[in-house]
Structure formats: structure tokens, C-alpha cells
Amino acid sequence: MKAKTGKSVAAKAYGKVLPEAIPYTFDYTLYESNDELIAAKDEMTLDEQRKARNADRLNNARAKAREKAFEDAGLVKPTAENDPSIAWKDMVKTILTAKLPDGSRKFTEAQAQEQATMLLGYDPNDADDE
């Protein structure tokens, strides 16, 4: 096995452009021979296996390092629990699947948005852009 260090730069996080790109490094190991694959019992066809496993290792190490870099930079993945705009969008989608109280028809997009704003106390039109 050969130990390697990679580096990358994240310009976006969770769908948003970062004010400043975040560099990060990550460590991973590569198989150097087919014998290593066999000894590790980590095989498909030998050449395909080595290429696939090396790509997986690189990508997994990069993803872990990227998440750590985001965490170290104080970035939190936006969710319905910590971002009211996501909660509002989720609520609108949920309301659109329901019928009006009299059961006659489904809510329109505008009605669903109005209901979500009332229920959550959040109006995306009043929110500050971040």
C-alpha cells in the first residue's frame, strides 16, 4: 500500500457559494499491486478492482476532509431545523399534498405558501439574503 496526501479547495458548501474558498487536505492509501488486492480480499477483476478501490478511497477521504474543513470553518449544513427557508419550502410541499378543510380540492401554490407563512411565522419575501 502506498500512503498519499491529496488536497482540494471548496468554493461552495451546501449549495451556496462561499465568501472565501476553503482549502483542505486528506490522506488515503492506494494499492500498488494485484497481490495487495488478493491479500486484502478486496477484489473484482484485478485491474478493475485496483482502479475502483483507489478511486473510492480518494473520494471518501476527500469527502471526510471536506466535511471537517466545513466544520472547522463554522459551516453547518442547512436543514429544516436550522434554516427557516428550508422549513418553509418543506411545509409548502407538505401542504400541497393535502386537501382544503372542506375536502373539495387541493391547495394552490399561493394558498400553500400563505399557510406555511402563517404556521411558521416566516415569510421568505421578508427574509434577508445571506
Protein backbone atom coordinates (compact mmCIF):
# COMPACT_ATOMS: atom_id res chain seq x y z
CA MET A 1 0.00 0.00 0.00
CA LYS A 2 1.15 3.48 -0.75
CA ALA A 3 0.12 6.36 1.53
CA LYS A 4 -0.72 9.59 -0.25
CA THR A 5 -1.96 13.03 0.68
CA GLY A 6 -4.38 14.94 -1.50
CA LYS A 7 -5.56 18.49 -1.43
CA SER A 8 -8.59 20.31 -2.72
CA VAL A 9 -10.45 23.58 -2.41
CA ALA A 10 -14.17 24.02 -1.71
CA ALA A 11 -15.76 27.06 -3.34
CA LYS A 12 -19.31 26.02 -2.43
CA ALA A 13 -20.90 24.50 0.64
CA TYR A 14 -24.40 23.05 0.77
CA GLY A 15 -25.44 24.73 -2.46
CA LYS A 16 -24.14 28.19 -1.53
CA VAL A 17 -21.05 29.98 -2.83
CA LEU A 18 -18.60 30.57 0.00
CA PRO A 19 -17.31 34.11 0.57
CA GLU A 20 -13.82 32.63 0.59
CA ALA A 21 -12.76 29.23 -0.74
CA ILE A 22 -11.79 26.67 1.92
CA PRO A 23 -8.68 24.60 1.24
CA TYR A 24 -8.32 21.18 2.84
CA THR A 25 -6.06 18.13 2.69
CA PHE A 26 -6.78 14.43 3.12
CA ASP A 27 -4.83 11.21 3.48
CA TYR A 28 -5.58 7.99 1.62
CA THR A 29 -3.86 4.77 0.61
CA LEU A 30 -3.51 3.19 -2.81
CA TYR A 31 -2.96 -0.42 -3.75
CA GLU A 32 0.29 -0.76 -5.66
CA SER A 33 -0.10 -4.32 -6.88
CA ASN A 34 -2.66 -7.00 -7.53
CA ASP A 35 -1.04 -9.11 -4.79
CA GLU A 36 -2.12 -6.47 -2.28
CA LEU A 37 -5.71 -6.73 -3.52
CA ILE A 38 -5.70 -10.51 -3.16
CA ALA A 39 -4.09 -10.37 0.29
CA ALA A 40 -6.72 -7.84 1.38
CA LYS A 41 -9.51 -9.99 -0.13
CA ASP A 42 -10.70 -6.83 -1.82
CA GLU A 43 -11.01 -8.00 -5.43
CA MET A 44 -13.22 -7.92 -8.52
CA THR A 45 -11.12 -8.37 -11.62
CA LEU A 46 -7.68 -7.34 -10.55
CA ASP A 47 -7.10 -4.23 -12.66
CA GLU A 48 -10.69 -3.02 -12.32
CA GLN A 49 -10.57 -3.66 -8.60
CA ARG A 50 -7.39 -1.64 -8.07
CA LYS A 51 -8.69 1.29 -10.09
CA ALA A 52 -12.12 1.25 -8.44
CA ARG A 53 -10.84 0.88 -4.89
CA ASN A 54 -8.27 3.63 -5.36
CA ALA A 55 -10.94 5.97 -6.70
CA ASP A 56 -13.24 5.08 -3.77
CA ARG A 57 -10.50 5.71 -1.23
CA LEU A 58 -9.61 9.06 -2.74
CA ASN A 59 -13.25 10.18 -2.92
CA ASN A 60 -14.07 9.01 0.62
CA ALA A 61 -11.01 10.70 2.09
CA ARG A 62 -11.79 13.90 0.19
CA ALA A 63 -15.42 13.93 1.38
CA LYS A 64 -14.43 13.39 5.02
CA ALA A 65 -11.79 16.10 4.86
CA ARG A 66 -14.24 18.48 3.17
CA GLU A 67 -16.84 17.96 5.90
CA LYS A 68 -14.16 18.55 8.55
CA ALA A 69 -12.98 21.70 6.75
CA PHE A 70 -16.58 22.97 6.67
CA GLU A 71 -16.98 22.15 10.36
CA ASP A 72 -13.69 23.86 11.23
CA ALA A 73 -14.83 26.93 9.28
CA GLY A 74 -18.04 27.02 11.32
CA LEU A 75 -20.31 25.98 8.45
CA VAL A 76 -23.40 23.97 9.30
CA LYS A 77 -25.38 22.02 6.72
CA PRO A 78 -28.72 23.81 6.36
CA THR A 79 -31.72 21.74 7.44
CA ALA A 80 -35.36 22.44 8.27
CA GLU A 81 -34.29 22.60 11.93
CA ASN A 82 -31.69 25.34 11.47
CA ASP A 83 -32.79 27.20 8.32
CA PRO A 84 -36.30 28.67 8.25
CA SER A 85 -36.31 28.92 4.44
CA ILE A 86 -35.90 25.15 4.17
CA ALA A 87 -38.60 24.55 6.78
CA TRP A 88 -40.89 26.89 4.82
CA LYS A 89 -40.22 25.12 1.50
CA ASP A 90 -40.82 21.72 3.12
CA MET A 91 -44.06 22.97 4.68
CA VAL A 92 -45.30 24.30 1.32
CA LYS A 93 -44.61 20.89 -0.29
CA THR A 94 -46.48 19.12 2.52
CA ILE A 95 -49.46 21.44 2.33
CA LEU A 96 -49.66 20.97 -1.42
CA THR A 97 -50.30 17.26 -0.84
CA ALA A 98 -53.33 17.98 1.35
CA LYS A 99 -56.90 18.96 0.57
CA LEU A 100 -58.69 22.04 1.81
CA PRO A 101 -60.53 21.60 5.12
CA ASP A 102 -63.84 21.02 3.30
CA GLY A 103 -62.17 18.26 1.24
CA SER A 104 -63.15 19.85 -2.05
CA ARG A 105 -59.77 20.48 -3.67
CA LYS A 106 -56.07 20.72 -3.09
CA PHE A 107 -54.40 23.95 -2.04
CA THR A 108 -52.97 26.13 -4.75
CA GLU A 109 -49.30 27.09 -4.58
CA ALA A 110 -50.27 30.56 -3.33
CA GLN A 111 -52.55 29.11 -0.62
CA ALA A 112 -49.86 26.67 0.49
CA GLN A 113 -47.31 29.49 0.72
CA GLU A 114 -49.74 31.61 2.73
CA GLN A 115 -50.46 28.73 5.12
CA ALA A 116 -46.75 27.94 5.57
CA THR A 117 -46.02 31.60 6.32
CA MET A 118 -48.82 31.71 8.89
CA LEU A 119 -47.87 28.41 10.55
CA LEU A 120 -44.13 29.02 10.71
CA GLY A 121 -44.12 32.77 11.21
CA TYR A 122 -41.60 33.03 8.40
CA ASP A 123 -42.05 34.86 5.09
CA PRO A 124 -39.29 34.29 2.53
CA ASN A 125 -40.15 37.64 0.95
CA ASP A 126 -39.19 39.39 4.20
CA ALA A 127 -36.03 37.33 4.84
CA ASP A 128 -32.59 38.83 4.43
CA ASP A 129 -30.45 37.26 1.75
CA GLU A 130 -27.37 35.65 3.27
